[in-house]
PDB file of N, CA and C in Angstrom:
ATOM      1  N   MET A   1       7.231   0.243  25.336  1.00  0.00           N
ATOM      2  CA  MET A   1       6.382  -0.354  24.243  1.00  0.00           C
ATOM      3  C   MET A   1       5.478   0.633  23.830  1.00  0.00           C
ATOM      4  N   PRO A   2       5.447   1.059  22.716  1.00  0.00           N
ATOM      5  CA  PRO A   2       4.476   2.061  22.064  1.00  0.00           C
ATOM      6  C   PRO A   2       3.075   1.522  22.188  1.00  0.00           C
ATOM      7  N   PRO A   3       2.158   2.387  22.206  1.00  0.00           N
ATOM      8  CA  PRO A   3       0.712   1.989  22.113  1.00  0.00           C
ATOM      9  C   PRO A   3       0.426   1.343  20.739  1.00  0.00           C
ATOM     10  N   ASN A   4      -0.733   0.639  20.657  1.00  0.00           N
ATOM     11  CA  ASN A   4      -1.062  -0.064  19.477  1.00  0.00           C
ATOM     12  C   ASN A   4      -1.125   0.829  18.173  1.00  0.00           C
ATOM     13  N   LEU A   5      -1.609   2.086  18.162  1.00  0.00           N
ATOM     14  CA  LEU A   5      -1.636   2.776  17.026  1.00  0.00           C
ATOM     15  C   LEU A   5      -0.265   3.204  16.543  1.00  0.00           C
ATOM     16  N   GLU A   6       0.582   3.556  17.354  1.00  0.00           N
ATOM     17  CA  GLU A   6       1.950   3.929  17.149  1.00  0.00           C
ATOM     18  C   GLU A   6       2.754   2.697  16.616  1.00  0.00           C
ATOM     19  N   SER A   7       2.483   1.508  17.200  1.00  0.00           N
ATOM     20  CA  SER A   7       3.110   0.314  16.702  1.00  0.00           C
ATOM     21  C   SER A   7       2.630   0.142  15.252  1.00  0.00           C
ATOM     22  N   SER A   8       1.348   0.262  14.966  1.00  0.00           N
ATOM     23  CA  SER A   8       0.812   0.014  13.699  1.00  0.00           C
ATOM     24  C   SER A   8       1.456   0.990  12.736  1.00  0.00           C
ATOM     25  N   MET A   9       1.679   2.233  13.090  1.00  0.00           N
ATOM     26  CA  MET A   9       2.329   3.312  12.244  1.00  0.00           C
ATOM     27  C   MET A   9       3.838   2.690  11.883  1.00  0.00           C
ATOM     28  N   ILE A  10       4.592   2.370  12.784  1.00  0.00           N
ATOM     29  CA  ILE A  10       5.962   1.832  12.676  1.00  0.00           C
ATOM     30  C   ILE A  10       5.969   0.768  11.764  1.00  0.00           C
ATOM     31  N   THR A  11       4.924  -0.232  11.845  1.00  0.00           N
ATOM     32  CA  THR A  11       4.808  -1.476  10.963  1.00  0.00           C
ATOM     33  C   THR A  11       4.691  -0.873   9.549  1.00  0.00           C
ATOM     34  N   ILE A  12       3.760   0.028   9.366  1.00  0.00           N
ATOM     35  CA  ILE A  12       3.482   0.644   8.104  1.00  0.00           C
ATOM     36  C   ILE A  12       4.911   1.125   7.337  1.00  0.00           C
ATOM     37  N   ILE A  13       5.674   1.908   8.144  1.00  0.00           N
ATOM     38  CA  ILE A  13       6.888   2.472   7.738  1.00  0.00           C
ATOM     39  C   ILE A  13       7.790   1.399   7.347  1.00  0.00           C
ATOM     40  N   GLN A  14       8.031   0.378   8.282  1.00  0.00           N
ATOM     41  CA  GLN A  14       8.892  -0.643   8.079  1.00  0.00           C
ATOM     42  C   GLN A  14       8.563  -1.513   6.802  1.00  0.00           C
ATOM     43  N   THR A  15       7.284  -1.838   6.690  1.00  0.00           N
ATOM     44  CA  THR A  15       6.808  -2.569   5.661  1.00  0.00           C
ATOM     45  C   THR A  15       7.135  -1.821   4.201  1.00  0.00           C
ATOM     46  N   PHE A  16       6.814  -0.535   4.260  1.00  0.00           N
ATOM     47  CA  PHE A  16       7.126   0.176   2.943  1.00  0.00           C
ATOM     48  C   PHE A  16       8.664   0.209   2.581  1.00  0.00           C
ATOM     49  N   HIS A  17       9.609   0.388   3.557  1.00  0.00           N
ATOM     50  CA  HIS A  17      10.848   0.254   3.416  1.00  0.00           C
ATOM     51  C   HIS A  17      11.508  -1.126   3.189  1.00  0.00           C
ATOM     52  N   LYS A  18      10.708  -2.199   3.486  1.00  0.00           N
ATOM     53  CA  LYS A  18      11.144  -3.542   3.166  1.00  0.00           C
ATOM     54  C   LYS A  18      10.991  -3.796   1.614  1.00  0.00           C
ATOM     55  N   TYR A  19      10.022  -3.049   1.109  1.00  0.00           N
ATOM     56  CA  TYR A  19       9.895  -3.376  -0.375  1.00  0.00           C
ATOM     57  C   TYR A  19      10.438  -2.286  -1.121  1.00  0.00           C
ATOM     58  N   SER A  20      10.634  -1.110  -0.711  1.00  0.00           N
ATOM     59  CA  SER A  20      11.065  -0.108  -1.587  1.00  0.00           C
ATOM     60  C   SER A  20      12.518  -0.112  -1.902  1.00  0.00           C
ATOM     61  N   GLY A  21      12.900   0.359  -2.959  1.00  0.00           N
ATOM     62  CA  GLY A  21      14.397   0.404  -3.534  1.00  0.00           C
ATOM     63  C   GLY A  21      15.197   1.362  -2.853  1.00  0.00           C
ATOM     64  N   GLN A  22      16.141   1.730  -3.468  1.00  0.00           N
ATOM     65  CA  GLN A  22      17.304   2.499  -2.937  1.00  0.00           C
ATOM     66  C   GLN A  22      16.746   3.989  -2.632  1.00  0.00           C
ATOM     67  N   LYS A  23      15.918   4.453  -3.353  1.00  0.00           N
ATOM     68  CA  LYS A  23      15.437   5.741  -3.140  1.00  0.00           C
ATOM     69  C   LYS A  23      14.023   5.762  -2.347  1.00  0.00           C
ATOM     70  N   TYR A  24      13.807   4.773  -1.678  1.00  0.00           N
ATOM     71  CA  TYR A  24      12.731   4.677  -0.896  1.00  0.00           C
ATOM     72  C   TYR A  24      11.406   4.997  -1.616  1.00  0.00           C
ATOM     73  N   LYS A  25      11.284   4.295  -2.796  1.00  0.00           N
ATOM     74  CA  LYS A  25      10.168   4.579  -3.669  1.00  0.00           C
ATOM     75  C   LYS A  25       9.814   3.132  -4.138  1.00  0.00           C
ATOM     76  N   LEU A  26       8.621   2.903  -4.444  1.00  0.00           N
ATOM     77  CA  LEU A  26       8.141   1.497  -4.822  1.00  0.00           C
ATOM     78  C   LEU A  26       7.984   1.693  -6.511  1.00  0.00           C
ATOM     79  N   LYS A  27       8.735   0.726  -7.152  1.00  0.00           N
ATOM     80  CA  LYS A  27       8.432   0.464  -8.547  1.00  0.00           C
ATOM     81  C   LYS A  27       7.166  -0.326  -8.668  1.00  0.00           C
ATOM     82  N   LYS A  28       6.565  -0.506  -9.809  1.00  0.00           N
ATOM     83  CA  LYS A  28       5.407  -1.276 -10.064  1.00  0.00           C
ATOM     84  C   LYS A  28       5.488  -2.734  -9.511  1.00  0.00           C
ATOM     85  N   ALA A  29       6.605  -3.351  -9.868  1.00  0.00           N
ATOM     86  CA  ALA A  29       6.820  -4.800  -9.342  1.00  0.00           C
ATOM     87  C   ALA A  29       6.852  -4.823  -7.872  1.00  0.00           C
ATOM     88  N   GLU A  30       7.471  -3.862  -7.242  1.00  0.00           N
ATOM     89  CA  GLU A  30       7.589  -3.839  -5.826  1.00  0.00           C
ATOM     90  C   GLU A  30       6.282  -3.542  -5.054  1.00  0.00           C
ATOM     91  N   LEU A  31       5.344  -2.743  -5.638  1.00  0.00           N
ATOM     92  CA  LEU A  31       4.168  -2.496  -5.126  1.00  0.00           C
ATOM     93  C   LEU A  31       3.245  -3.719  -5.304  1.00  0.00           C
ATOM     94  N   LYS A  32       3.366  -4.435  -6.357  1.00  0.00           N
ATOM     95  CA  LYS A  32       2.655  -5.660  -6.500  1.00  0.00           C
ATOM     96  C   LYS A  32       2.962  -6.691  -5.541  1.00  0.00           C
ATOM     97  N   GLN A  33       4.268  -6.847  -5.146  1.00  0.00           N
ATOM     98  CA  GLN A  33       4.792  -7.707  -4.237  1.00  0.00           C
ATOM     99  C   GLN A  33       4.288  -7.367  -2.918  1.00  0.00           C
ATOM    100  N   LEU A  34       4.392  -6.145  -2.498  1.00  0.00           N
ATOM    101  CA  LEU A  34       3.952  -5.700  -1.341  1.00  0.00           C
ATOM    102  C   LEU A  34       2.536  -5.983  -0.991  1.00  0.00           C
ATOM    103  N   ILE A  35       1.663  -5.766  -1.928  1.00  0.00           N
ATOM    104  CA  ILE A  35       0.174  -5.970  -1.734  1.00  0.00           C
ATOM    105  C   ILE A  35      -0.039  -7.393  -1.785  1.00  0.00           C
ATOM    106  N   ASN A  36       0.558  -8.184  -2.620  1.00  0.00           N
ATOM    107  CA  ASN A  36       0.308  -9.608  -2.637  1.00  0.00           C
ATOM    108  C   ASN A  36       0.877 -10.349  -1.486  1.00  0.00           C
ATOM    109  N   ASN A  37       1.761  -9.842  -0.870  1.00  0.00           N
ATOM    110  CA  ASN A  37       2.404 -10.537   0.358  1.00  0.00           C
ATOM    111  C   ASN A  37       1.877 -10.000   1.707  1.00  0.00           C
ATOM    112  N   GLU A  38       1.581  -8.717   1.752  1.00  0.00           N
ATOM    113  CA  GLU A  38       1.255  -7.913   2.965  1.00  0.00           C
ATOM    114  C   GLU A  38      -0.219  -7.555   3.109  1.00  0.00           C
ATOM    115  N   MET A  39      -0.958  -7.502   2.062  1.00  0.00           N
ATOM    116  CA  MET A  39      -2.218  -6.996   2.085  1.00  0.00           C
ATOM    117  C   MET A  39      -3.291  -7.953   1.525  1.00  0.00           C
ATOM    118  N   ASN A  40      -2.915  -9.169   1.412  1.00  0.00           N
ATOM    119  CA  ASN A  40      -3.798 -10.120   0.593  1.00  0.00           C
ATOM    120  C   ASN A  40      -5.263 -10.457   1.231  1.00  0.00           C
ATOM    121  N   HIS A  41      -5.317 -10.056   2.531  1.00  0.00           N
ATOM    122  CA  HIS A  41      -6.721 -10.389   3.161  1.00  0.00           C
ATOM    123  C   HIS A  41      -7.644  -9.207   2.840  1.00  0.00           C
ATOM    124  N   PHE A  42      -7.186  -7.961   2.561  1.00  0.00           N
ATOM    125  CA  PHE A  42      -7.968  -6.815   2.352  1.00  0.00           C
ATOM    126  C   PHE A  42      -8.013  -6.427   0.871  1.00  0.00           C
ATOM    127  N   ILE A  43      -7.053  -6.916   0.021  1.00  0.00           N
ATOM    128  CA  ILE A  43      -6.921  -6.711  -1.341  1.00  0.00           C
ATOM    129  C   ILE A  43      -6.664  -7.988  -2.011  1.00  0.00           C
ATOM    130  N   MET A  44      -7.499  -8.266  -3.117  1.00  0.00           N
ATOM    131  CA  MET A  44      -7.280  -9.487  -3.760  1.00  0.00           C
ATOM    132  C   MET A  44      -5.884  -9.410  -4.388  1.00  0.00           C
ATOM    133  N   LYS A  45      -5.295 -10.691  -4.458  1.00  0.00           N
ATOM    134  CA  LYS A  45      -4.047 -10.802  -5.113  1.00  0.00           C
ATOM    135  C   LYS A  45      -4.069 -10.190  -6.422  1.00  0.00           C
ATOM    136  N   ILE A  46      -3.073  -9.429  -6.803  1.00  0.00           N
ATOM    137  CA  ILE A  46      -3.085  -8.693  -8.180  1.00  0.00           C
ATOM    138  C   ILE A  46      -2.308  -9.704  -9.151  1.00  0.00           C
ATOM    139  N   LYS A  47      -3.345 -10.213 -10.123  1.00  0.00           N
ATOM    140  CA  LYS A  47      -2.816 -11.168 -11.016  1.00  0.00           C
ATOM    141  C   LYS A  47      -2.781 -10.523 -12.472  1.00  0.00           C
ATOM    142  N   GLU A  48      -3.690  -9.704 -12.613  1.00  0.00           N
ATOM    143  CA  GLU A  48      -3.867  -8.996 -13.997  1.00  0.00           C
ATOM    144  C   GLU A  48      -3.141  -7.710 -14.013  1.00  0.00           C
ATOM    145  N   ASN A  49      -2.190  -7.506 -15.001  1.00  0.00           N
ATOM    146  CA  ASN A  49      -1.498  -6.426 -15.246  1.00  0.00           C
ATOM    147  C   ASN A  49      -2.286  -5.198 -15.384  1.00  0.00           C
ATOM    148  N   ASP A  50      -3.472  -5.333 -16.031  1.00  0.00           N
ATOM    149  CA  ASP A  50      -4.294  -4.041 -16.259  1.00  0.00           C
ATOM    150  C   ASP A  50      -4.651  -3.560 -14.943  1.00  0.00           C
ATOM    151  N   THR A  51      -5.046  -4.500 -13.844  1.00  0.00           N
ATOM    152  CA  THR A  51      -5.463  -4.007 -12.518  1.00  0.00           C
ATOM    153  C   THR A  51      -4.273  -3.387 -11.834  1.00  0.00           C
ATOM    154  N   LEU A  52      -3.073  -3.777 -11.934  1.00  0.00           N
ATOM    155  CA  LEU A  52      -1.831  -3.163 -11.415  1.00  0.00           C
ATOM    156  C   LEU A  52      -1.579  -1.850 -11.966  1.00  0.00           C
ATOM    157  N   ASP A  53      -1.732  -1.846 -13.403  1.00  0.00           N
ATOM    158  CA  ASP A  53      -1.371  -0.559 -14.097  1.00  0.00           C
ATOM    159  C   ASP A  53      -2.408   0.633 -13.740  1.00  0.00           C
ATOM    160  N   GLU A  54      -3.709   0.201 -13.491  1.00  0.00           N
ATOM    161  CA  GLU A  54      -4.730   1.165 -13.145  1.00  0.00           C
ATOM    162  C   GLU A  54      -4.443   1.740 -11.612  1.00  0.00           C
ATOM    163  N   LEU A  55      -4.129   0.776 -10.743  1.00  0.00           N
ATOM    164  CA  LEU A  55      -3.872   1.240  -9.342  1.00  0.00           C
ATOM    165  C   LEU A  55      -2.783   2.059  -9.256  1.00  0.00           C
ATOM    166  N   PHE A  56      -1.669   1.607  -9.914  1.00  0.00           N
ATOM    167  CA  PHE A  56      -0.378   2.230 -10.031  1.00  0.00           C
ATOM    168  C   PHE A  56      -0.560   3.716 -10.467  1.00  0.00           C
ATOM    169  N   ALA A  57      -1.235   3.868 -11.594  1.00  0.00           N
ATOM    170  CA  ALA A  57      -1.544   5.187 -12.155  1.00  0.00           C
ATOM    171  C   ALA A  57      -2.384   6.054 -11.218  1.00  0.00           C
ATOM    172  N   ASP A  58      -3.340   5.552 -10.627  1.00  0.00           N
ATOM    173  CA  ASP A  58      -4.045   6.264  -9.609  1.00  0.00           C
ATOM    174  C   ASP A  58      -3.180   6.759  -8.491  1.00  0.00           C
ATOM    175  N   LEU A  59      -2.365   6.012  -7.919  1.00  0.00           N
ATOM    176  CA  LEU A  59      -1.484   6.296  -6.778  1.00  0.00           C
ATOM    177  C   LEU A  59      -0.393   7.275  -7.074  1.00  0.00           C
ATOM    178  N   ASP A  60       0.140   7.098  -8.354  1.00  0.00           N
ATOM    179  CA  ASP A  60       1.335   7.896  -8.863  1.00  0.00           C
ATOM    180  C   ASP A  60       0.963   9.338  -9.140  1.00  0.00           C
ATOM    181  N   GLN A  61       0.653  10.183  -8.119  1.00  0.00           N
ATOM    182  CA  GLN A  61       0.276  11.505  -8.362  1.00  0.00           C
ATOM    183  C   GLN A  61       1.043  12.443  -9.115  1.00  0.00           C
ATOM    184  N   ASN A  62       2.374  12.309  -8.907  1.00  0.00           N
ATOM    185  CA  ASN A  62       3.435  13.190  -9.497  1.00  0.00           C
ATOM    186  C   ASN A  62       3.821  12.727 -10.928  1.00  0.00           C
ATOM    187  N   LYS A  63       3.326  11.379 -11.287  1.00  0.00           N
ATOM    188  CA  LYS A  63       3.730  10.666 -12.531  1.00  0.00           C
ATOM    189  C   LYS A  63       5.149  10.525 -12.767  1.00  0.00           C
ATOM    190  N   ASP A  64       6.009  10.033 -11.677  1.00  0.00           N
ATOM    191  CA  ASP A  64       7.288   9.748 -11.929  1.00  0.00           C
ATOM    192  C   ASP A  64       7.597   8.266 -12.040  1.00  0.00           C
ATOM    193  N   LEU A  65       6.442   7.592 -12.155  1.00  0.00           N
ATOM    194  CA  LEU A  65       6.460   6.074 -12.432  1.00  0.00           C
ATOM    195  C   LEU A  65       7.158   5.318 -11.119  1.00  0.00           C
ATOM    196  N   GLU A  66       7.009   5.799  -9.841  1.00  0.00           N
ATOM    197  CA  GLU A  66       7.268   5.408  -8.699  1.00  0.00           C
ATOM    198  C   GLU A  66       6.284   5.911  -7.679  1.00  0.00           C
ATOM    199  N   ILE A  67       6.131   5.003  -6.759  1.00  0.00           N
ATOM    200  CA  ILE A  67       5.291   5.408  -5.484  1.00  0.00           C
ATOM    201  C   ILE A  67       5.966   5.735  -4.324  1.00  0.00           C
ATOM    202  N   ASP A  68       5.904   6.961  -3.986  1.00  0.00           N
ATOM    203  CA  ASP A  68       6.764   7.434  -2.704  1.00  0.00           C
ATOM    204  C   ASP A  68       5.851   7.162  -1.603  1.00  0.00           C
ATOM    205  N   PHE A  69       6.465   7.474  -0.391  1.00  0.00           N
ATOM    206  CA  PHE A  69       5.798   7.163   0.875  1.00  0.00           C
ATOM    207  C   PHE A  69       4.390   7.770   1.003  1.00  0.00           C
ATOM    208  N   LYS A  70       4.344   9.063   0.607  1.00  0.00           N
ATOM    209  CA  LYS A  70       3.069   9.766   0.835  1.00  0.00           C
ATOM    210  C   LYS A  70       1.925   9.137  -0.312  1.00  0.00           C
ATOM    211  N   GLU A  71       2.467   8.785  -1.349  1.00  0.00           N
ATOM    212  CA  GLU A  71       1.430   8.108  -2.324  1.00  0.00           C
ATOM    213  C   GLU A  71       0.994   6.772  -1.795  1.00  0.00           C
ATOM    214  N   PHE A  72       1.911   6.000  -1.158  1.00  0.00           N
ATOM    215  CA  PHE A  72       1.662   4.758  -0.559  1.00  0.00           C
ATOM    216  C   PHE A  72       0.752   4.936   0.658  1.00  0.00           C
ATOM    217  N   ILE A  73       0.861   6.000   1.341  1.00  0.00           N
ATOM    218  CA  ILE A  73      -0.094   6.167   2.493  1.00  0.00           C
ATOM    219  C   ILE A  73      -1.515   6.470   1.963  1.00  0.00           C
ATOM    220  N   ALA A  74      -1.637   7.029   0.830  1.00  0.00           N
ATOM    221  CA  ALA A  74      -3.050   7.081   0.261  1.00  0.00           C
ATOM    222  C   ALA A  74      -3.698   5.819  -0.145  1.00  0.00           C
ATOM    223  N   LEU A  75      -2.894   4.792  -0.531  1.00  0.00           N
ATOM    224  CA  LEU A  75      -3.465   3.509  -0.725  1.00  0.00           C
ATOM    225  C   LEU A  75      -3.862   2.899   0.852  1.00  0.00           C
ATOM    226  N   ILE A  76      -2.968   3.089   1.731  1.00  0.00           N
ATOM    227  CA  ILE A  76      -3.326   2.710   3.071  1.00  0.00           C
ATOM    228  C   ILE A  76      -4.631   3.315   3.628  1.00  0.00           C
ATOM    229  N   ALA A  77      -4.677   4.516   3.344  1.00  0.00           N
ATOM    230  CA  ALA A  77      -5.986   5.281   3.789  1.00  0.00           C
ATOM    231  C   ALA A  77      -7.210   4.718   3.044  1.00  0.00           C
ATOM    232  N   MET A  78      -7.051   4.599   1.800  1.00  0.00           N
ATOM    233  CA  MET A  78      -8.224   4.076   1.032  1.00  0.00           C
ATOM    234  C   MET A  78      -8.635   2.542   1.453  1.00  0.00           C
ATOM    235  N   VAL A  79      -7.734   1.703   1.638  1.00  0.00           N
ATOM    236  CA  VAL A  79      -8.044   0.428   2.155  1.00  0.00           C
ATOM    237  C   VAL A  79      -8.489   0.351   3.600  1.00  0.00           C
ATOM    238  N   THR A  80      -7.954   1.278   4.400  1.00  0.00           N
ATOM    239  CA  THR A  80      -8.466   1.369   5.818  1.00  0.00           C
ATOM    240  C   THR A  80      -9.893   1.943   5.881  1.00  0.00           C
ATOM    241  N   SER A  81     -10.076   2.864   4.988  1.00  0.00           N
ATOM    242  CA  SER A  81     -11.469   3.325   5.001  1.00  0.00           C
ATOM    243  C   SER A  81     -12.479   2.427   4.547  1.00  0.00           C
ATOM    244  N   ALA A  82     -12.160   1.564   3.477  1.00  0.00           N
ATOM    245  CA  ALA A  82     -13.027   0.583   3.026  1.00  0.00           C
ATOM    246  C   ALA A  82     -13.237  -0.466   4.035  1.00  0.00           C
ATOM    247  N   CYS A  83     -12.189  -0.797   4.666  1.00  0.00           N
ATOM    248  CA  CYS A  83     -12.365  -1.867   5.757  1.00  0.00           C
ATOM    249  C   CYS A  83     -13.138  -1.375   6.954  1.00  0.00           C
ATOM    250  N   HIS A  84     -13.025  -0.154   7.233  1.00  0.00           N
ATOM    251  CA  HIS A  84     -13.847   0.470   8.451  1.00  0.00           C
ATOM    252  C   HIS A  84     -15.256   0.425   7.971  1.00  0.00           C
ATOM    253  N   GLU A  85     -15.691   0.717   6.788  1.00  0.00           N
ATOM    254  CA  GLU A  85     -17.051   0.545   6.360  1.00  0.00           C
ATOM    255  C   GLU A  85     -17.615  -0.812   6.474  1.00  0.00           C
ATOM    256  N   LEU A  86     -16.813  -1.862   6.058  1.00  0.00           N
ATOM    257  CA  LEU A  86     -17.218  -3.168   6.223  1.00  0.00           C
ATOM    258  C   LEU A  86     -17.392  -3.668   7.561  1.00  0.00           C
ATOM    259  N   PHE A  87     -16.439  -3.172   8.314  1.00  0.00           N
ATOM    260  CA  PHE A  87     -16.526  -3.558   9.864  1.00  0.00           C
ATOM    261  C   PHE A  87     -17.765  -2.977  10.460  1.00  0.00           C
ATOM    262  N   THR A  88     -18.129  -1.776  10.192  1.00  0.00           N
ATOM    263  CA  THR A  88     -19.224  -1.049  10.850  1.00  0.00           C
ATOM    264  C   THR A  88     -20.608  -1.648  10.318  1.00  0.00           C
ATOM    265  N   LEU A  89     -20.617  -2.332   9.268  1.00  0.00           N
ATOM    266  CA  LEU A  89     -21.823  -3.036   8.697  1.00  0.00           C
ATOM    267  C   LEU A  89     -22.230  -4.294   9.511  1.00  0.00           C
ATOM    268  N   LYS A  90     -21.345  -4.891  10.178  1.00  0.00           N
ATOM    269  CA  LYS A  90     -21.492  -5.995  10.884  1.00  0.00           C
ATOM    270  C   LYS A  90     -22.340  -5.964  12.004  1.00  0.00           C
TER     271      LYS A  90
END
């Protein structure tokens, strides 16, 4: 059994693959579904298209209209960093 951190990394990879399409990239609708289903305690459910459009544009660094794994990890890092700040304030 891997240590907790390694298990968490495996879960991140598996979750990305669960929602990504054939090319292991997330389209906008897939990203929305992943966030709403898997991250809804840390990120409010995305209901507004403008919110999703802005987030997607920020993450899509190479502007190919898809989020690859490295771009997805940037989202994970941002959310984790924000959560760390909240937990250290308590």
